[in-house]
PDB file of N, CA and C in Angstrom:
ATOM      1  N   MET A   1     203.846   7.129 239.686  1.00  0.00           N
ATOM      2  CA  MET A   1     204.213   8.403 240.280  1.00  0.00           C
ATOM      3  C   MET A   1     204.555   8.181 241.743  1.00  0.00           C
ATOM      4  N   SER A   2     205.675   8.707 242.178  1.00  0.00           N
ATOM      5  CA  SER A   2     206.059   8.545 243.580  1.00  0.00           C
ATOM      6  C   SER A   2     205.402   9.619 244.443  1.00  0.00           C
ATOM      7  N   ILE A   3     205.203   9.289 245.693  1.00  0.00           N
ATOM      8  CA  ILE A   3     204.633  10.234 246.648  1.00  0.00           C
ATOM      9  C   ILE A   3     205.784  10.816 247.456  1.00  0.00           C
ATOM     10  N   GLU A   4     205.892  12.134 247.440  1.00  0.00           N
ATOM     11  CA  GLU A   4     206.956  12.801 248.164  1.00  0.00           C
ATOM     12  C   GLU A   4     206.409  13.313 249.493  1.00  0.00           C
ATOM     13  N   THR A   5     207.187  13.146 250.554  1.00  0.00           N
ATOM     14  CA  THR A   5     206.789  13.589 251.887  1.00  0.00           C
ATOM     15  C   THR A   5     207.680  14.742 252.320  1.00  0.00           C
ATOM     16  N   PHE A   6     207.074  15.760 252.908  1.00  0.00           N
ATOM     17  CA  PHE A   6     207.785  16.918 253.423  1.00  0.00           C
ATOM     18  C   PHE A   6     207.446  17.067 254.895  1.00  0.00           C
ATOM     19  N   SER A   7     208.388  17.530 255.705  1.00  0.00           N
ATOM     20  CA  SER A   7     208.091  17.767 257.115  1.00  0.00           C
ATOM     21  C   SER A   7     208.554  19.160 257.520  1.00  0.00           C
ATOM     22  N   THR A   8     207.818  19.730 258.464  1.00  0.00           N
ATOM     23  CA  THR A   8     208.106  21.041 259.023  1.00  0.00           C
ATOM     24  C   THR A   8     208.065  20.905 260.537  1.00  0.00           C
ATOM     25  N   ASN A   9     209.043  21.480 261.219  1.00  0.00           N
ATOM     26  CA  ASN A   9     209.107  21.412 262.680  1.00  0.00           C
ATOM     27  C   ASN A   9     208.901  22.792 263.293  1.00  0.00           C
ATOM     28  N   HIS A  10     208.241  22.808 264.455  1.00  0.00           N
ATOM     29  CA  HIS A  10     208.031  24.044 265.207  1.00  0.00           C
ATOM     30  C   HIS A  10     208.297  23.790 266.680  1.00  0.00           C
ATOM     31  N   LEU A  11     209.044  24.678 267.287  1.00  0.00           N
ATOM     32  CA  LEU A  11     209.249  24.665 268.729  1.00  0.00           C
ATOM     33  C   LEU A  11     208.071  25.389 269.357  1.00  0.00           C
ATOM     34  N   VAL A  12     207.404  24.749 270.308  1.00  0.00           N
ATOM     35  CA  VAL A  12     206.254  25.353 270.975  1.00  0.00           C
ATOM     36  C   VAL A  12     206.766  26.307 272.056  1.00  0.00           C
ATOM     37  N   LYS A  13     206.427  27.590 271.892  1.00  0.00           N
ATOM     38  CA  LYS A  13     206.881  28.631 272.815  1.00  0.00           C
ATOM     39  C   LYS A  13     205.707  29.132 273.664  1.00  0.00           C
ATOM     40  N   GLN A  14     206.014  29.918 274.652  1.00  0.00           N
ATOM     41  CA  GLN A  14     205.006  30.448 275.574  1.00  0.00           C
ATOM     42  C   GLN A  14     203.865  31.134 274.831  1.00  0.00           C
ATOM     43  N   GLU A  15     204.192  31.913 273.804  1.00  0.00           N
ATOM     44  CA  GLU A  15     203.145  32.659 273.087  1.00  0.00           C
ATOM     45  C   GLU A  15     202.233  31.763 272.242  1.00  0.00           C
ATOM     46  N   ASP A  16     202.560  30.474 272.122  1.00  0.00           N
ATOM     47  CA  ASP A  16     201.735  29.522 271.372  1.00  0.00           C
ATOM     48  C   ASP A  16     200.712  28.809 272.261  1.00  0.00           C
ATOM     49  N   LEU A  17     200.715  29.099 273.559  1.00  0.00           N
ATOM     50  CA  LEU A  17     199.922  28.339 274.520  1.00  0.00           C
ATOM     51  C   LEU A  17     198.614  29.019 274.899  1.00  0.00           C
ATOM     52  N   THR A  18     197.671  28.200 275.333  1.00  0.00           N
ATOM     53  CA  THR A  18     196.417  28.696 275.907  1.00  0.00           C
ATOM     54  C   THR A  18     196.649  29.013 277.380  1.00  0.00           C
ATOM     55  N   HIS A  19     195.620  29.492 278.052  1.00  0.00           N
ATOM     56  CA  HIS A  19     195.734  29.760 279.487  1.00  0.00           C
ATOM     57  C   HIS A  19     195.873  28.471 280.302  1.00  0.00           C
ATOM     58  N   HIS A  20     195.658  27.323 279.665  1.00  0.00           N
ATOM     59  CA  HIS A  20     195.844  26.027 280.329  1.00  0.00           C
ATOM     60  C   HIS A  20     197.276  25.514 280.178  1.00  0.00           C
ATOM     61  N   GLY A  21     198.094  26.246 279.414  1.00  0.00           N
ATOM     62  CA  GLY A  21     199.478  25.850 279.207  1.00  0.00           C
ATOM     63  C   GLY A  21     199.671  24.809 278.119  1.00  0.00           C
ATOM     64  N   THR A  22     198.670  24.674 277.238  1.00  0.00           N
ATOM     65  CA  THR A  22     198.785  23.724 276.123  1.00  0.00           C
ATOM     66  C   THR A  22     198.696  24.480 274.803  1.00  0.00           C
ATOM     67  N   LEU A  23     199.189  23.837 273.762  1.00  0.00           N
ATOM     68  CA  LEU A  23     199.235  24.463 272.440  1.00  0.00           C
ATOM     69  C   LEU A  23     197.838  24.857 271.964  1.00  0.00           C
ATOM     70  N   TYR A  24     197.723  26.100 271.517  1.00  0.00           N
ATOM     71  CA  TYR A  24     196.471  26.654 271.000  1.00  0.00           C
ATOM     72  C   TYR A  24     196.157  26.031 269.643  1.00  0.00           C
ATOM     73  N   ALA A  25     194.937  25.529 269.468  1.00  0.00           N
ATOM     74  CA  ALA A  25     194.545  24.856 268.224  1.00  0.00           C
ATOM     75  C   ALA A  25     194.657  25.788 267.018  1.00  0.00           C
ATOM     76  N   GLY A  26     194.404  27.070 267.206  1.00  0.00           N
ATOM     77  CA  GLY A  26     194.522  28.028 266.112  1.00  0.00           C
ATOM     78  C   GLY A  26     195.952  28.142 265.609  1.00  0.00           C
ATOM     79  N   ARG A  27     196.920  28.083 266.524  1.00  0.00           N
ATOM     80  CA  ARG A  27     198.332  28.125 266.128  1.00  0.00           C
ATOM     81  C   ARG A  27     198.674  26.855 265.350  1.00  0.00           C
ATOM     82  N   THR A  28     198.133  25.722 265.805  1.00  0.00           N
ATOM     83  CA  THR A  28     198.366  24.460 265.107  1.00  0.00           C
ATOM     84  C   THR A  28     197.799  24.530 263.690  1.00  0.00           C
ATOM     85  N   ALA A  29     196.606  25.088 263.540  1.00  0.00           N
ATOM     86  CA  ALA A  29     196.001  25.233 262.215  1.00  0.00           C
ATOM     87  C   ALA A  29     196.856  26.135 261.329  1.00  0.00           C
ATOM     88  N   GLU A  30     197.401  27.200 261.903  1.00  0.00           N
ATOM     89  CA  GLU A  30     198.291  28.096 261.155  1.00  0.00           C
ATOM     90  C   GLU A  30     199.510  27.333 260.647  1.00  0.00           C
ATOM     91  N   TRP A  31     200.122  26.542 261.508  1.00  0.00           N
ATOM     92  CA  TRP A  31     201.295  25.760 261.128  1.00  0.00           C
ATOM     93  C   TRP A  31     200.937  24.679 260.114  1.00  0.00           C
ATOM     94  N   PHE A  32     199.741  24.101 260.253  1.00  0.00           N
ATOM     95  CA  PHE A  32     199.250  23.080 259.344  1.00  0.00           C
ATOM     96  C   PHE A  32     199.153  23.644 257.918  1.00  0.00           C
ATOM     97  N   VAL A  33     198.558  24.822 257.801  1.00  0.00           N
ATOM     98  CA  VAL A  33     198.418  25.483 256.493  1.00  0.00           C
ATOM     99  C   VAL A  33     199.789  25.863 255.949  1.00  0.00           C
ATOM    100  N   GLU A  34     200.657  26.389 256.806  1.00  0.00           N
ATOM    101  CA  GLU A  34     202.007  26.753 256.383  1.00  0.00           C
ATOM    102  C   GLU A  34     202.767  25.543 255.844  1.00  0.00           C
ATOM    103  N   ALA A  35     202.681  24.420 256.540  1.00  0.00           N
ATOM    104  CA  ALA A  35     203.373  23.203 256.106  1.00  0.00           C
ATOM    105  C   ALA A  35     202.836  22.728 254.758  1.00  0.00           C
ATOM    106  N   GLY A  36     201.529  22.808 254.575  1.00  0.00           N
ATOM    107  CA  GLY A  36     200.933  22.438 253.287  1.00  0.00           C
ATOM    108  C   GLY A  36     201.385  23.360 252.171  1.00  0.00           C
ATOM    109  N   PHE A  37     201.479  24.657 252.482  1.00  0.00           N
ATOM    110  CA  PHE A  37     201.947  25.625 251.494  1.00  0.00           C
ATOM    111  C   PHE A  37     203.389  25.331 251.081  1.00  0.00           C
ATOM    112  N   ILE A  38     204.244  25.053 252.058  1.00  0.00           N
ATOM    113  CA  ILE A  38     205.648  24.762 251.765  1.00  0.00           C
ATOM    114  C   ILE A  38     205.760  23.530 250.864  1.00  0.00           C
ATOM    115  N   ALA A  39     205.001  22.490 251.175  1.00  0.00           N
ATOM    116  CA  ALA A  39     205.039  21.270 250.362  1.00  0.00           C
ATOM    117  C   ALA A  39     204.551  21.556 248.937  1.00  0.00           C
ATOM    118  N   ALA A  40     203.441  22.279 248.813  1.00  0.00           N
ATOM    119  CA  ALA A  40     202.893  22.585 247.486  1.00  0.00           C
ATOM    120  C   ALA A  40     203.834  23.495 246.697  1.00  0.00           C
ATOM    121  N   ALA A  41     204.511  24.405 247.382  1.00  0.00           N
ATOM    122  CA  ALA A  41     205.423  25.337 246.708  1.00  0.00           C
ATOM    123  C   ALA A  41     206.637  24.631 246.115  1.00  0.00           C
ATOM    124  N   LYS A  42     206.918  23.418 246.577  1.00  0.00           N
ATOM    125  CA  LYS A  42     208.017  22.642 245.999  1.00  0.00           C
ATOM    126  C   LYS A  42     207.657  22.153 244.595  1.00  0.00           C
ATOM    127  N   LEU A  43     206.349  22.117 244.282  1.00  0.00           N
ATOM    128  CA  LEU A  43     205.889  21.555 243.011  1.00  0.00           C
ATOM    129  C   LEU A  43     205.295  22.567 242.044  1.00  0.00           C
ATOM    130  N   THR A  44     204.955  23.741 242.535  1.00  0.00           N
ATOM    131  CA  THR A  44     204.327  24.739 241.669  1.00  0.00           C
ATOM    132  C   THR A  44     204.724  26.138 242.121  1.00  0.00           C
ATOM    133  N   LYS A  45     204.272  27.131 241.400  1.00  0.00           N
ATOM    134  CA  LYS A  45     204.590  28.516 241.752  1.00  0.00           C
ATOM    135  C   LYS A  45     203.805  28.912 243.009  1.00  0.00           C
ATOM    136  N   PRO A  46     204.457  29.510 243.997  1.00  0.00           N
ATOM    137  CA  PRO A  46     203.770  29.891 245.236  1.00  0.00           C
ATOM    138  C   PRO A  46     202.574  30.817 245.020  1.00  0.00           C
ATOM    139  N   GLU A  47     202.648  31.693 244.025  1.00  0.00           N
ATOM    140  CA  GLU A  47     201.526  32.612 243.798  1.00  0.00           C
ATOM    141  C   GLU A  47     200.291  31.900 243.245  1.00  0.00           C
ATOM    142  N   ALA A  48     200.422  30.623 242.855  1.00  0.00           N
ATOM    143  CA  ALA A  48     199.290  29.853 242.333  1.00  0.00           C
ATOM    144  C   ALA A  48     198.615  29.016 243.427  1.00  0.00           C
ATOM    145  N   ILE A  49     199.084  29.117 244.672  1.00  0.00           N
ATOM    146  CA  ILE A  49     198.578  28.256 245.756  1.00  0.00           C
ATOM    147  C   ILE A  49     197.518  28.981 246.577  1.00  0.00           C
ATOM    148  N   VAL A  50     196.405  28.283 246.829  1.00  0.00           N
ATOM    149  CA  VAL A  50     195.329  28.802 247.669  1.00  0.00           C
ATOM    150  C   VAL A  50     194.899  27.684 248.615  1.00  0.00           C
ATOM    151  N   CYS A  51     194.769  27.995 249.898  1.00  0.00           N
ATOM    152  CA  CYS A  51     194.249  27.012 250.853  1.00  0.00           C
ATOM    153  C   CYS A  51     192.726  27.053 250.777  1.00  0.00           C
ATOM    154  N   VAL A  52     192.128  25.946 250.387  1.00  0.00           N
ATOM    155  CA  VAL A  52     190.683  25.892 250.216  1.00  0.00           C
ATOM    156  C   VAL A  52     190.010  25.276 251.442  1.00  0.00           C
ATOM    157  N   LYS A  53     190.648  24.282 252.036  1.00  0.00           N
ATOM    158  CA  LYS A  53     189.994  23.558 253.123  1.00  0.00           C
ATOM    159  C   LYS A  53     191.047  22.894 254.009  1.00  0.00           C
ATOM    160  N   ILE A  54     190.828  22.946 255.304  1.00  0.00           N
ATOM    161  CA  ILE A  54     191.669  22.192 256.237  1.00  0.00           C
ATOM    162  C   ILE A  54     190.897  20.930 256.586  1.00  0.00           C
ATOM    163  N   HIS A  55     191.512  19.795 256.326  1.00  0.00           N
ATOM    164  CA  HIS A  55     190.846  18.520 256.570  1.00  0.00           C
ATOM    165  C   HIS A  55     191.835  17.554 257.214  1.00  0.00           C
ATOM    166  N   GLY A  56     191.415  16.880 258.236  1.00  0.00           N
ATOM    167  CA  GLY A  56     192.241  15.820 258.793  1.00  0.00           C
ATOM    168  C   GLY A  56     193.054  16.183 260.015  1.00  0.00           C
ATOM    169  N   MET A  57     192.795  17.322 260.651  1.00  0.00           N
ATOM    170  CA  MET A  57     193.509  17.632 261.889  1.00  0.00           C
ATOM    171  C   MET A  57     192.887  16.822 263.021  1.00  0.00           C
ATOM    172  N   HIS A  58     193.723  16.117 263.734  1.00  0.00           N
ATOM    173  CA  HIS A  58     193.253  15.305 264.852  1.00  0.00           C
ATOM    174  C   HIS A  58     194.183  15.541 266.036  1.00  0.00           C
ATOM    175  N   PHE A  59     193.635  16.005 267.135  1.00  0.00           N
ATOM    176  CA  PHE A  59     194.427  16.281 268.333  1.00  0.00           C
ATOM    177  C   PHE A  59     194.265  15.110 269.294  1.00  0.00           C
ATOM    178  N   SER A  60     195.332  14.344 269.501  1.00  0.00           N
ATOM    179  CA  SER A  60     195.223  13.158 270.347  1.00  0.00           C
ATOM    180  C   SER A  60     195.799  13.342 271.747  1.00  0.00           C
ATOM    181  N   LYS A  61     196.626  14.378 271.936  1.00  0.00           N
ATOM    182  CA  LYS A  61     197.156  14.657 273.273  1.00  0.00           C
ATOM    183  C   LYS A  61     197.608  16.108 273.332  1.00  0.00           C
ATOM    184  N   PRO A  62     197.645  16.679 274.531  1.00  0.00           N
ATOM    185  CA  PRO A  62     198.091  18.069 274.639  1.00  0.00           C
ATOM    186  C   PRO A  62     199.580  18.211 274.346  1.00  0.00           C
ATOM    187  N   VAL A  63     199.949  19.367 273.835  1.00  0.00           N
ATOM    188  CA  VAL A  63     201.343  19.683 273.551  1.00  0.00           C
ATOM    189  C   VAL A  63     201.717  20.879 274.419  1.00  0.00           C
ATOM    190  N   GLY A  64     202.839  20.785 275.101  1.00  0.00           N
ATOM    191  CA  GLY A  64     203.249  21.846 276.023  1.00  0.00           C
ATOM    192  C   GLY A  64     204.455  22.628 275.543  1.00  0.00           C
ATOM    193  N   ARG A  65     204.781  23.668 276.310  1.00  0.00           N
ATOM    194  CA  ARG A  65     205.921  24.533 276.008  1.00  0.00           C
ATOM    195  C   ARG A  65     207.212  23.723 275.987  1.00  0.00           C
ATOM    196  N   GLY A  66     208.043  24.010 274.992  1.00  0.00           N
ATOM    197  CA  GLY A  66     209.325  23.339 274.872  1.00  0.00           C
ATOM    198  C   GLY A  66     209.299  22.087 274.016  1.00  0.00           C
ATOM    199  N   GLU A  67     208.112  21.605 273.668  1.00  0.00           N
ATOM    200  CA  GLU A  67     208.009  20.429 272.804  1.00  0.00           C
ATOM    201  C   GLU A  67     208.194  20.854 271.346  1.00  0.00           C
ATOM    202  N   ILE A  68     208.619  19.908 270.527  1.00  0.00           N
ATOM    203  CA  ILE A  68     208.788  20.179 269.102  1.00  0.00           C
ATOM    204  C   ILE A  68     207.694  19.416 268.347  1.00  0.00           C
ATOM    205  N   LEU A  69     206.939  20.155 267.569  1.00  0.00           N
ATOM    206  CA  LEU A  69     205.850  19.569 266.794  1.00  0.00           C
ATOM    207  C   LEU A  69     206.324  19.377 265.362  1.00  0.00           C
ATOM    208  N   CYS A  70     206.183  18.172 264.838  1.00  0.00           N
ATOM    209  CA  CYS A  70     206.573  17.860 263.472  1.00  0.00           C
ATOM    210  C   CYS A  70     205.307  17.625 262.655  1.00  0.00           C
ATOM    211  N   LEU A  71     205.145  18.394 261.580  1.00  0.00           N
ATOM    212  CA  LEU A  71     204.010  18.240 260.680  1.00  0.00           C
ATOM    213  C   LEU A  71     204.513  17.635 259.389  1.00  0.00           C
ATOM    214  N   GLU A  72     203.917  16.535 258.986  1.00  0.00           N
ATOM    215  CA  GLU A  72     204.331  15.853 257.757  1.00  0.00           C
ATOM    216  C   GLU A  72     203.247  16.000 256.703  1.00  0.00           C
ATOM    217  N   ASN A  73     203.666  16.266 255.474  1.00  0.00           N
ATOM    218  CA  ASN A  73     202.752  16.456 254.353  1.00  0.00           C
ATOM    219  C   ASN A  73     203.126  15.516 253.222  1.00  0.00           C
ATOM    220  N   LYS A  74     202.125  15.012 252.530  1.00  0.00           N
ATOM    221  CA  LYS A  74     202.342  14.199 251.341  1.00  0.00           C
ATOM    222  C   LYS A  74     201.599  14.837 250.182  1.00  0.00           C
ATOM    223  N   ILE A  75     202.290  14.990 249.081  1.00  0.00           N
ATOM    224  CA  ILE A  75     201.647  15.442 247.856  1.00  0.00           C
ATOM    225  C   ILE A  75     201.258  14.192 247.096  1.00  0.00           C
ATOM    226  N   VAL A  76     199.960  14.006 246.900  1.00  0.00           N
ATOM    227  CA  VAL A  76     199.484  12.794 246.216  1.00  0.00           C
ATOM    228  C   VAL A  76     198.778  13.155 244.931  1.00  0.00           C
TER     229      VAL A  76
END
C-alpha cells in the first residue's frame, strides 16, 4: 500500500497573531485539524470523519505575519 501525502498552505495574517506578533498556537491547531480533515476526506466520506486526538504538534520557531505555513499530512 502506498502512502499518500497531502499539503495545505496558510498565509499568516494579523488576526492569526498573539500580542507578541507571533502565530497563535490555537490557530495552528485549527489549521492542523483542518489539514487532517482534508486529507482524510480524500479517502472517505466527510460526514464519517471525527477528530479524536491531536498528536505530534511541535513548535520549533516563531512564525510571523506574512509567512506561509505549510502543513503536510500522510494517510498511513
